[in-house]
Each structure stands twice: as C-alpha cells, then as structure tokens.
Amino acid sequence: LSGYEQERLAQKYAAAHTDVNAALEKKPWSPI
C-alpha cells in the first residue's frame, strides 16, 4: 500500500474508534 493509503486507513480507524470512547467518557450534563 502507498503511504497515502496507509495514512487514510489509520485516520479512518482512529475516527471510528476514538469518537465512541470520547462520547462514552463525556457525560452530557448532570441529570439532577
């Protein structure tokens, strides 16, 4: 694979996995 293709795969993987973890850790606001 070209360097561009490897970079694109890494970015796609990071985007798919970091958003969920960040969203799980971020509580919207206090329900109380």
PDB file of all heavy atoms in Angstrom:
ATOM      1  N   LEU A   1       0.837  -1.201   0.000  1.00  0.00           N
ATOM      2  CA  LEU A   1       0.000   0.000   0.000  1.00  0.00           C
ATOM      3  C   LEU A   1       0.871   1.250   0.000  1.00  0.00           C
ATOM      4  O   LEU A   1       1.939   1.277   0.619  1.00  0.00           O
ATOM      5  CB  LEU A   1      -0.910   0.007   1.231  1.00  0.00           C
ATOM      6  CG  LEU A   1      -1.889  -1.159   1.349  1.00  0.00           C
ATOM      7  CD1 LEU A   1      -2.615  -1.080   2.669  1.00  0.00           C
ATOM      8  CD2 LEU A   1      -2.878  -1.145   0.205  1.00  0.00           C
ATOM      9  N   SER A   2       0.393   2.287  -0.653  1.00  0.00           N
ATOM     10  CA  SER A   2       1.128   3.553  -0.671  1.00  0.00           C
ATOM     11  C   SER A   2       1.041   4.213   0.706  1.00  0.00           C
ATOM     12  O   SER A   2       0.210   3.861   1.540  1.00  0.00           O
ATOM     13  CB  SER A   2       0.537   4.482  -1.736  1.00  0.00           C
ATOM     14  OG  SER A   2      -0.766   4.886  -1.359  1.00  0.00           O
ATOM     15  N   GLY A   3       1.904   5.170   0.926  1.00  0.00           N
ATOM     16  CA  GLY A   3       1.902   5.899   2.200  1.00  0.00           C
ATOM     17  C   GLY A   3       0.584   6.619   2.421  1.00  0.00           C
ATOM     18  O   GLY A   3       0.069   6.680   3.540  1.00  0.00           O
ATOM     19  N   TYR A   4       0.044   7.162   1.337  1.00  0.00           N
ATOM     20  CA  TYR A   4      -1.250   7.858   1.435  1.00  0.00           C
ATOM     21  C   TYR A   4      -2.351   6.896   1.860  1.00  0.00           C
ATOM     22  O   TYR A   4      -3.177   7.222   2.708  1.00  0.00           O
ATOM     23  CB  TYR A   4      -1.598   8.498   0.086  1.00  0.00           C
ATOM     24  CG  TYR A   4      -2.995   9.061   0.041  1.00  0.00           C
ATOM     25  CD1 TYR A   4      -3.305  10.251   0.683  1.00  0.00           C
ATOM     26  CD2 TYR A   4      -4.007   8.379  -0.628  1.00  0.00           C
ATOM     27  CE1 TYR A   4      -4.590  10.750   0.666  1.00  0.00           C
ATOM     28  CE2 TYR A   4      -5.294   8.878  -0.653  1.00  0.00           C
ATOM     29  CZ  TYR A   4      -5.583  10.060  -0.008  1.00  0.00           C
ATOM     30  OH  TYR A   4      -6.864  10.549  -0.025  1.00  0.00           O
ATOM     31  N   GLU A   5      -2.362   5.707   1.262  1.00  0.00           N
ATOM     32  CA  GLU A   5      -3.396   4.717   1.589  1.00  0.00           C
ATOM     33  C   GLU A   5      -3.258   4.254   3.034  1.00  0.00           C
ATOM     34  O   GLU A   5      -4.245   4.097   3.752  1.00  0.00           O
ATOM     35  CB  GLU A   5      -3.288   3.525   0.636  1.00  0.00           C
ATOM     36  CG  GLU A   5      -4.337   2.464   0.865  1.00  0.00           C
ATOM     37  CD  GLU A   5      -5.749   2.892   0.522  1.00  0.00           C
ATOM     38  OE1 GLU A   5      -5.930   3.874  -0.208  1.00  0.00           O
ATOM     39  OE2 GLU A   5      -6.690   2.241   1.001  1.00  0.00           O
ATOM     40  N   GLN A   6      -2.031   4.044   3.499  1.00  0.00           N
ATOM     41  CA  GLN A   6      -1.828   3.641   4.893  1.00  0.00           C
ATOM     42  C   GLN A   6      -2.269   4.740   5.850  1.00  0.00           C
ATOM     43  O   GLN A   6      -2.882   4.467   6.884  1.00  0.00           O
ATOM     44  CB  GLN A   6      -0.350   3.302   5.123  1.00  0.00           C
ATOM     45  CG  GLN A   6       0.077   2.029   4.440  1.00  0.00           C
ATOM     46  CD  GLN A   6       1.553   1.742   4.642  1.00  0.00           C
ATOM     47  OE1 GLN A   6       2.269   2.510   5.294  1.00  0.00           O
ATOM     48  NE2 GLN A   6       2.010   0.632   4.087  1.00  0.00           N
ATOM     49  N   GLU A   7      -1.981   5.978   5.504  1.00  0.00           N
ATOM     50  CA  GLU A   7      -2.412   7.111   6.338  1.00  0.00           C
ATOM     51  C   GLU A   7      -3.931   7.221   6.366  1.00  0.00           C
ATOM     52  O   GLU A   7      -4.531   7.476   7.409  1.00  0.00           O
ATOM     53  CB  GLU A   7      -1.798   8.400   5.796  1.00  0.00           C
ATOM     54  CG  GLU A   7      -2.105   9.610   6.633  1.00  0.00           C
ATOM     55  CD  GLU A   7      -1.468  10.858   6.056  1.00  0.00           C
ATOM     56  OE1 GLU A   7      -0.373  10.764   5.486  1.00  0.00           O
ATOM     57  OE2 GLU A   7      -2.081  11.932   6.194  1.00  0.00           O
ATOM     58  N   ARG A   8      -4.566   7.009   5.220  1.00  0.00           N
ATOM     59  CA  ARG A   8      -6.027   7.063   5.145  1.00  0.00           C
ATOM     60  C   ARG A   8      -6.659   5.968   6.002  1.00  0.00           C
ATOM     61  O   ARG A   8      -7.639   6.198   6.705  1.00  0.00           O
ATOM     62  CB  ARG A   8      -6.491   6.921   3.695  1.00  0.00           C
ATOM     63  CG  ARG A   8      -7.976   7.201   3.509  1.00  0.00           C
ATOM     64  CD  ARG A   8      -8.436   6.914   2.101  1.00  0.00           C
ATOM     65  NE  ARG A   8      -8.346   5.501   1.754  1.00  0.00           N
ATOM     66  CZ  ARG A   8      -9.219   4.567   2.154  1.00  0.00           C
ATOM     67  NH1 ARG A   8     -10.231   4.884   2.917  1.00  0.00           N
ATOM     68  NH2 ARG A   8      -9.062   3.319   1.783  1.00  0.00           N
ATOM     69  N   LEU A   9      -6.080   4.765   5.968  1.00  0.00           N
ATOM     70  CA  LEU A   9      -6.591   3.671   6.800  1.00  0.00           C
ATOM     71  C   LEU A   9      -6.436   3.989   8.284  1.00  0.00           C
ATOM     72  O   LEU A   9      -7.349   3.730   9.083  1.00  0.00           O
ATOM     73  CB  LEU A   9      -5.857   2.367   6.467  1.00  0.00           C
ATOM     74  CG  LEU A   9      -6.149   1.748   5.109  1.00  0.00           C
ATOM     75  CD1 LEU A   9      -5.219   0.569   4.854  1.00  0.00           C
ATOM     76  CD2 LEU A   9      -7.591   1.325   5.003  1.00  0.00           C
ATOM     77  N   ALA A  10      -5.296   4.567   8.652  1.00  0.00           N
ATOM     78  CA  ALA A  10      -5.064   4.929  10.056  1.00  0.00           C
ATOM     79  C   ALA A  10      -6.051   6.003  10.514  1.00  0.00           C
ATOM     80  O   ALA A  10      -6.596   5.936  11.621  1.00  0.00           O
ATOM     81  CB  ALA A  10      -3.633   5.400  10.240  1.00  0.00           C
ATOM     82  N   GLN A  11      -6.311   6.986   9.668  1.00  0.00           N
ATOM     83  CA  GLN A  11      -7.264   8.046  10.019  1.00  0.00           C
ATOM     84  C   GLN A  11      -8.680   7.500  10.131  1.00  0.00           C
ATOM     85  O   GLN A  11      -9.426   7.871  11.038  1.00  0.00           O
ATOM     86  CB  GLN A  11      -7.211   9.164   8.982  1.00  0.00           C
ATOM     87  CG  GLN A  11      -5.974   9.995   9.044  1.00  0.00           C
ATOM     88  CD  GLN A  11      -5.891  11.008   7.916  1.00  0.00           C
ATOM     89  OE1 GLN A  11      -6.659  10.956   6.960  1.00  0.00           O
ATOM     90  NE2 GLN A  11      -4.943  11.927   8.018  1.00  0.00           N
ATOM     91  N   LYS A  12      -9.050   6.620   9.221  1.00  0.00           N
ATOM     92  CA  LYS A  12     -10.391   6.024   9.257  1.00  0.00           C
ATOM     93  C   LYS A  12     -10.568   5.190  10.529  1.00  0.00           C
ATOM     94  O   LYS A  12     -11.601   5.259  11.190  1.00  0.00           O
ATOM     95  CB  LYS A  12     -10.603   5.158   8.021  1.00  0.00           C
ATOM     96  CG  LYS A  12     -11.977   4.571   7.892  1.00  0.00           C
ATOM     97  CD  LYS A  12     -12.127   3.793   6.581  1.00  0.00           C
ATOM     98  CE  LYS A  12     -13.482   3.155   6.469  1.00  0.00           C
ATOM     99  NZ  LYS A  12     -13.607   2.361   5.234  1.00  0.00           N
ATOM    100  N   TYR A  13      -9.545   4.435  10.886  1.00  0.00           N
ATOM    101  CA  TYR A  13      -9.600   3.620  12.092  1.00  0.00           C
ATOM    102  C   TYR A  13      -9.690   4.502  13.340  1.00  0.00           C
ATOM    103  O   TYR A  13     -10.483   4.251  14.238  1.00  0.00           O
ATOM    104  CB  TYR A  13      -8.373   2.716  12.180  1.00  0.00           C
ATOM    105  CG  TYR A  13      -8.365   1.820  13.382  1.00  0.00           C
ATOM    106  CD1 TYR A  13      -9.089   0.643  13.392  1.00  0.00           C
ATOM    107  CD2 TYR A  13      -7.634   2.154  14.519  1.00  0.00           C
ATOM    108  CE1 TYR A  13      -9.087  -0.181  14.497  1.00  0.00           C
ATOM    109  CE2 TYR A  13      -7.623   1.341  15.624  1.00  0.00           C
ATOM    110  CZ  TYR A  13      -8.349   0.165  15.610  1.00  0.00           C
ATOM    111  OH  TYR A  13      -8.363  -0.633  16.722  1.00  0.00           O
ATOM    112  N   ALA A  14      -8.881   5.556  13.381  1.00  0.00           N
ATOM    113  CA  ALA A  14      -8.890   6.456  14.535  1.00  0.00           C
ATOM    114  C   ALA A  14     -10.233   7.153  14.666  1.00  0.00           C
ATOM    115  O   ALA A  14     -10.771   7.292  15.775  1.00  0.00           O
ATOM    116  CB  ALA A  14      -7.767   7.479  14.408  1.00  0.00           C
ATOM    117  N   ALA A  15     -10.804   7.572  13.539  1.00  0.00           N
ATOM    118  CA  ALA A  15     -12.099   8.248  13.588  1.00  0.00           C
ATOM    119  C   ALA A  15     -13.195   7.305  14.042  1.00  0.00           C
ATOM    120  O   ALA A  15     -14.108   7.702  14.770  1.00  0.00           O
ATOM    121  CB  ALA A  15     -12.436   8.822  12.218  1.00  0.00           C
ATOM    122  N   ALA A  16     -13.114   6.069  13.658  1.00  0.00           N
ATOM    123  CA  ALA A  16     -14.153   5.105  14.018  1.00  0.00           C
ATOM    124  C   ALA A  16     -14.081   4.679  15.478  1.00  0.00           C
ATOM    125  O   ALA A  16     -15.084   4.319  16.070  1.00  0.00           O
ATOM    126  CB  ALA A  16     -14.054   3.867  13.131  1.00  0.00           C
ATOM    127  N   HIS A  17     -12.911   4.743  16.076  1.00  0.00           N
ATOM    128  CA  HIS A  17     -12.771   4.224  17.429  1.00  0.00           C
ATOM    129  C   HIS A  17     -12.623   5.281  18.504  1.00  0.00           C
ATOM    130  O   HIS A  17     -12.971   5.039  19.644  1.00  0.00           O
ATOM    131  CB  HIS A  17     -11.587   3.253  17.476  1.00  0.00           C
ATOM    132  CG  HIS A  17     -11.871   1.975  16.763  1.00  0.00           C
ATOM    133  ND1 HIS A  17     -11.812   1.861  15.402  1.00  0.00           N
ATOM    134  CD2 HIS A  17     -12.279   0.775  17.221  1.00  0.00           C
ATOM    135  CE1 HIS A  17     -12.136   0.644  15.044  1.00  0.00           C
ATOM    136  NE2 HIS A  17     -12.433  -0.031  16.123  1.00  0.00           N
ATOM    137  N   THR A  18     -12.131   6.448  18.202  1.00  0.00           N
ATOM    138  CA  THR A  18     -11.953   7.451  19.249  1.00  0.00           C
ATOM    139  C   THR A  18     -13.247   8.204  19.541  1.00  0.00           C
ATOM    140  O   THR A  18     -13.449   8.636  20.660  1.00  0.00           O
ATOM    141  CB  THR A  18     -10.846   8.455  18.892  1.00  0.00           C
ATOM    142  OG1 THR A  18     -11.142   9.021  17.617  1.00  0.00           O
ATOM    143  CG2 THR A  18      -9.499   7.788  18.860  1.00  0.00           C
ATOM    144  N   ASP A  19     -14.118   8.372  18.566  1.00  0.00           N
ATOM    145  CA  ASP A  19     -15.359   9.101  18.808  1.00  0.00           C
ATOM    146  C   ASP A  19     -16.228   8.387  19.832  1.00  0.00           C
ATOM    147  O   ASP A  19     -16.829   9.013  20.702  1.00  0.00           O
ATOM    148  CB  ASP A  19     -16.135   9.285  17.512  1.00  0.00           C
ATOM    149  CG  ASP A  19     -15.424  10.221  16.555  1.00  0.00           C
ATOM    150  OD1 ASP A  19     -14.580  10.994  17.015  1.00  0.00           O
ATOM    151  OD2 ASP A  19     -15.729  10.162  15.367  1.00  0.00           O
ATOM    152  N   VAL A  20     -16.301   7.075  19.748  1.00  0.00           N
ATOM    153  CA  VAL A  20     -17.126   6.311  20.678  1.00  0.00           C
ATOM    154  C   VAL A  20     -16.563   6.410  22.080  1.00  0.00           C
ATOM    155  O   VAL A  20     -17.288   6.657  23.041  1.00  0.00           O
ATOM    156  CB  VAL A  20     -17.226   4.833  20.237  1.00  0.00           C
ATOM    157  CG1 VAL A  20     -17.882   3.983  21.303  1.00  0.00           C
ATOM    158  CG2 VAL A  20     -18.000   4.742  18.943  1.00  0.00           C
ATOM    159  N   ASN A  21     -15.265   6.255  22.220  1.00  0.00           N
ATOM    160  CA  ASN A  21     -14.663   6.324  23.548  1.00  0.00           C
ATOM    161  C   ASN A  21     -14.807   7.711  24.156  1.00  0.00           C
ATOM    162  O   ASN A  21     -15.089   7.850  25.341  1.00  0.00           O
ATOM    163  CB  ASN A  21     -13.194   5.927  23.481  1.00  0.00           C
ATOM    164  CG  ASN A  21     -13.028   4.462  23.157  1.00  0.00           C
ATOM    165  OD1 ASN A  21     -13.893   3.654  23.462  1.00  0.00           O
ATOM    166  ND2 ASN A  21     -11.922   4.115  22.523  1.00  0.00           N
ATOM    167  N   ALA A  22     -14.630   8.732  23.358  1.00  0.00           N
ATOM    168  CA  ALA A  22     -14.782  10.095  23.869  1.00  0.00           C
ATOM    169  C   ALA A  22     -16.230  10.359  24.258  1.00  0.00           C
ATOM    170  O   ALA A  22     -16.511  10.993  25.274  1.00  0.00           O
ATOM    171  CB  ALA A  22     -14.327  11.104  22.824  1.00  0.00           C
ATOM    172  N   ALA A  23     -17.159   9.874  23.460  1.00  0.00           N
ATOM    173  CA  ALA A  23     -18.575  10.071  23.766  1.00  0.00           C
ATOM    174  C   ALA A  23     -18.986   9.300  25.018  1.00  0.00           C
ATOM    175  O   ALA A  23     -19.831   9.757  25.787  1.00  0.00           O
ATOM    176  CB  ALA A  23     -19.438   9.648  22.586  1.00  0.00           C
ATOM    177  N   LEU A  24     -18.395   8.139  25.224  1.00  0.00           N
ATOM    178  CA  LEU A  24     -18.714   7.370  26.429  1.00  0.00           C
ATOM    179  C   LEU A  24     -18.191   8.059  27.679  1.00  0.00           C
ATOM    180  O   LEU A  24     -18.818   8.003  28.731  1.00  0.00           O
ATOM    181  CB  LEU A  24     -18.129   5.961  26.331  1.00  0.00           C
ATOM    182  CG  LEU A  24     -18.874   4.999  25.431  1.00  0.00           C
ATOM    183  CD1 LEU A  24     -18.070   3.721  25.275  1.00  0.00           C
ATOM    184  CD2 LEU A  24     -20.250   4.690  25.980  1.00  0.00           C
ATOM    185  N   GLU A  25     -17.052   8.683  27.569  1.00  0.00           N
ATOM    186  CA  GLU A  25     -16.470   9.363  28.723  1.00  0.00           C
ATOM    187  C   GLU A  25     -17.109  10.710  29.002  1.00  0.00           C
ATOM    188  O   GLU A  25     -17.043  11.209  30.109  1.00  0.00           O
ATOM    189  CB  GLU A  25     -14.964   9.533  28.520  1.00  0.00           C
ATOM    190  CG  GLU A  25     -14.216   8.227  28.357  1.00  0.00           C
ATOM    191  CD  GLU A  25     -14.396   7.279  29.528  1.00  0.00           C
ATOM    192  OE1 GLU A  25     -14.464   7.737  30.679  1.00  0.00           O
ATOM    193  OE2 GLU A  25     -14.475   6.066  29.290  1.00  0.00           O
ATOM    194  N   LYS A  26     -17.716  11.305  28.000  1.00  0.00           N
ATOM    195  CA  LYS A  26     -18.286  12.644  28.150  1.00  0.00           C
ATOM    196  C   LYS A  26     -19.766  12.536  28.544  1.00  0.00           C
ATOM    197  O   LYS A  26     -20.595  12.146  27.742  1.00  0.00           O
ATOM    198  CB  LYS A  26     -18.143  13.401  26.835  1.00  0.00           C
ATOM    199  CG  LYS A  26     -18.691  14.789  26.875  1.00  0.00           C
ATOM    200  CD  LYS A  26     -18.589  15.426  25.511  1.00  0.00           C
ATOM    201  CE  LYS A  26     -19.576  16.552  25.413  1.00  0.00           C
ATOM    202  NZ  LYS A  26     -19.747  17.002  24.052  1.00  0.00           N
ATOM    203  N   LYS A  27     -20.065  12.887  29.764  1.00  0.00           N
ATOM    204  CA  LYS A  27     -21.443  12.908  30.231  1.00  0.00           C
ATOM    205  C   LYS A  27     -22.081  14.209  29.749  1.00  0.00           C
ATOM    206  O   LYS A  27     -21.483  15.270  29.884  1.00  0.00           O
ATOM    207  CB  LYS A  27     -21.449  12.835  31.749  1.00  0.00           C
ATOM    208  CG  LYS A  27     -22.755  12.478  32.363  1.00  0.00           C
ATOM    209  CD  LYS A  27     -22.570  12.270  33.850  1.00  0.00           C
ATOM    210  CE  LYS A  27     -23.818  11.736  34.470  1.00  0.00           C
ATOM    211  NZ  LYS A  27     -23.648  11.488  35.887  1.00  0.00           N
ATOM    212  N   PRO A  28     -23.281  14.155  29.169  1.00  0.00           N
ATOM    213  CA  PRO A  28     -23.841  15.370  28.568  1.00  0.00           C
ATOM    214  C   PRO A  28     -23.987  16.517  29.565  1.00  0.00           C
ATOM    215  O   PRO A  28     -23.515  17.597  29.322  1.00  0.00           O
ATOM    216  CB  PRO A  28     -25.183  14.919  28.027  1.00  0.00           C
ATOM    217  CG  PRO A  28     -25.470  13.602  28.627  1.00  0.00           C
ATOM    218  CD  PRO A  28     -24.174  13.017  29.081  1.00  0.00           C
ATOM    219  N   TRP A  29     -24.637  16.276  30.655  1.00  0.00           N
ATOM    220  CA  TRP A  29     -24.723  17.209  31.777  1.00  0.00           C
ATOM    221  C   TRP A  29     -25.431  16.488  32.899  1.00  0.00           C
ATOM    222  O   TRP A  29     -25.965  15.409  32.716  1.00  0.00           O
ATOM    223  CB  TRP A  29     -25.425  18.513  31.419  1.00  0.00           C
ATOM    224  CG  TRP A  29     -26.772  18.370  30.806  1.00  0.00           C
ATOM    225  CD1 TRP A  29     -27.894  17.916  31.403  1.00  0.00           C
ATOM    226  CD2 TRP A  29     -27.147  18.654  29.464  1.00  0.00           C
ATOM    227  NE1 TRP A  29     -28.939  17.901  30.545  1.00  0.00           N
ATOM    228  CE2 TRP A  29     -28.510  18.353  29.339  1.00  0.00           C
ATOM    229  CE3 TRP A  29     -26.468  19.133  28.358  1.00  0.00           C
ATOM    230  CZ2 TRP A  29     -29.202  18.508  28.150  1.00  0.00           C
ATOM    231  CZ3 TRP A  29     -27.163  19.291  27.191  1.00  0.00           C
ATOM    232  CH2 TRP A  29     -28.509  18.991  27.103  1.00  0.00           C
ATOM    233  N   SER A  30     -25.430  17.075  34.040  1.00  0.00           N
ATOM    234  CA  SER A  30     -25.983  16.399  35.205  1.00  0.00           C
ATOM    235  C   SER A  30     -27.493  16.248  35.077  1.00  0.00           C
ATOM    236  O   SER A  30     -28.207  17.238  34.897  1.00  0.00           O
ATOM    237  CB  SER A  30     -25.666  17.194  36.472  1.00  0.00           C
ATOM    238  OG  SER A  30     -26.301  16.597  37.573  1.00  0.00           O
ATOM    239  N   PRO A  31     -28.004  15.025  35.156  1.00  0.00           N
ATOM    240  CA  PRO A  31     -29.451  14.837  35.047  1.00  0.00           C
ATOM    241  C   PRO A  31     -30.201  15.381  36.258  1.00  0.00           C
ATOM    242  O   PRO A  31     -31.390  15.628  36.180  1.00  0.00           O
ATOM    243  CB  PRO A  31     -29.606  13.328  34.924  1.00  0.00           C
ATOM    244  CG  PRO A  31     -28.370  12.755  35.456  1.00  0.00           C
ATOM    245  CD  PRO A  31     -27.294  13.760  35.259  1.00  0.00           C
ATOM    246  N   ILE A  32     -29.510  15.580  37.364  1.00  0.00           N
ATOM    247  CA  ILE A  32     -30.171  16.152  38.536  1.00  0.00           C
ATOM    248  C   ILE A  32     -30.518  17.616  38.270  1.00  0.00           C
ATOM    249  O   ILE A  32     -31.577  18.103  38.648  1.00  0.00           O
ATOM    250  CB  ILE A  32     -29.280  16.014  39.787  1.00  0.00           C
ATOM    251  CG1 ILE A  32     -29.143  14.530  40.147  1.00  0.00           C
ATOM    252  CG2 ILE A  32     -29.846  16.787  40.957  1.00  0.00           C
ATOM    253  CD1 ILE A  32     -28.221  14.242  41.284  1.00  0.00           C
TER     254      ILE A  32
END
